[in-house]
Protein backbone atom coordinates (compact mmCIF):
# COMPACT_ATOMS: atom_id res chain seq x y z
CA MET A 1 -101.95 -100.68 91.18
CA THR A 2 -104.22 -97.87 92.38
CA MET A 3 -102.88 -95.01 94.45
CA LYS A 4 -104.43 -93.45 97.48
CA ARG A 5 -105.78 -89.94 97.17
CA THR A 6 -103.02 -88.58 99.40
CA GLU A 7 -100.37 -90.08 97.15
CA LEU A 8 -102.00 -88.52 94.08
CA GLU A 9 -102.06 -85.10 95.76
CA LYS A 10 -98.45 -85.49 96.83
CA ARG A 11 -97.41 -86.23 93.25
CA LYS A 12 -99.37 -83.24 91.95
CA GLY A 13 -97.53 -81.06 94.45
CA LEU A 14 -94.18 -82.44 93.37
CA ALA A 15 -95.03 -81.80 89.73
CA ILE A 16 -95.86 -78.16 90.52
CA THR A 17 -92.67 -77.75 92.55
CA ASN A 18 -90.55 -79.22 89.77
CA ALA A 19 -92.19 -76.97 87.17
CA GLN A 20 -91.43 -73.92 89.30
CA ARG A 21 -87.82 -74.98 89.76
CA GLN A 22 -87.38 -75.43 86.03
CA SER A 23 -88.80 -71.99 85.32
CA SER A 24 -86.42 -70.58 87.99
CA ASN A 25 -89.27 -68.56 89.45
CA ARG A 26 -89.61 -69.65 93.04
CA TYR A 27 -92.90 -67.90 93.75
CA GLY A 28 -94.79 -68.67 90.55
CA PRO A 29 -95.80 -66.23 87.82
CA ALA A 30 -95.18 -62.58 88.60
CA GLN A 31 -98.20 -60.49 89.50
CA THR A 32 -98.26 -57.20 87.63
CA MET A 33 -100.53 -54.20 88.00
CA PRO A 34 -102.80 -53.35 85.13
CA PRO A 35 -101.17 -50.78 82.85
CA ASP A 36 -103.95 -48.25 83.36
CA ARG A 37 -103.18 -48.10 87.08
CA LYS A 38 -99.48 -47.58 86.41
CA ALA A 39 -100.27 -44.85 83.91
CA GLN A 40 -102.59 -43.17 86.42
CA ARG A 41 -99.90 -43.22 89.10
CA ALA A 42 -97.34 -41.80 86.67
CA ALA A 43 -99.75 -39.03 85.67
CA ASP A 44 -100.45 -38.24 89.33
CA ARG A 45 -96.72 -38.07 90.07
CA ALA A 46 -96.12 -35.81 87.08
CA ALA A 47 -98.90 -33.48 88.27
CA GLY A 48 -97.33 -33.31 91.74
CA ARG A 49 -100.12 -35.23 93.48
CA VAL A 50 -99.35 -37.53 96.40
CA PRO A 51 -101.58 -40.05 98.17
CA PHE A 52 -102.83 -38.68 101.49
CA ALA A 53 -104.91 -40.93 103.73
CA VAL A 54 -107.23 -39.29 106.24
CA LYS A 55 -109.79 -40.85 108.57
CA LEU A 56 -113.06 -38.93 108.51
CA PRO A 57 -116.48 -39.54 110.05
CA SER A 58 -118.73 -41.59 107.77
CA GLU A 59 -121.42 -38.87 107.70
CA LEU A 60 -118.91 -36.35 106.36
CA VAL A 61 -117.66 -38.78 103.71
CA ALA A 62 -121.25 -39.45 102.60
CA ARG A 63 -121.89 -35.70 102.28
CA LEU A 64 -118.66 -35.23 100.29
CA GLN A 65 -119.52 -38.10 97.95
CA ALA A 66 -123.07 -36.79 97.42
CA CYS A 67 -121.77 -33.30 96.67
CA ALA A 68 -119.18 -34.62 94.20
CA GLN A 69 -121.78 -36.75 92.46
CA ARG A 70 -124.25 -33.85 92.31
CA ASP A 71 -121.59 -31.61 90.74
CA GLY A 72 -120.48 -34.41 88.40
CA ARG A 73 -116.79 -34.28 89.27
CA PRO A 74 -114.27 -36.49 91.02
CA LEU A 75 -114.13 -36.59 94.80
CA ASN A 76 -110.41 -35.71 94.73
CA GLU A 77 -111.12 -32.40 92.98
CA LEU A 78 -113.91 -31.49 95.40
CA VAL A 79 -111.82 -32.25 98.48
CA ALA A 80 -108.86 -30.30 97.10
CA GLU A 81 -111.09 -27.28 96.38
CA LEU A 82 -112.66 -27.40 99.85
CA LEU A 83 -109.28 -27.71 101.55
CA LEU A 84 -107.89 -24.77 99.59
CA ALA A 85 -110.94 -22.65 100.46
CA GLY A 86 -110.72 -23.62 104.12
CA LEU A 87 -107.00 -22.86 104.31
CA ALA A 88 -107.48 -19.52 102.55
CA ALA A 89 -110.22 -18.58 105.04
CA ARG A 90 -107.96 -19.46 107.96
CA GLU A 91 -105.02 -17.36 106.77
């Protein structure tokens, strides 16, 4: 006896559901971050760095990226240096 396509798909779904129930993991395999990302976050935390999101005009971001690339250093370092210089000039 041949089964309709919908019946085949239904059985596949039941097989997946049963496999998940047996593994006692309701949402499937756990998604983990790559270890290098975790290590980077730990290193940032240890150095006292925190994420800080800012919305800037695209022209300014392009200039910052070009300057960082020209100097051959990370954008984070360049922005931190410029902020420190700007704050020092204001005070």
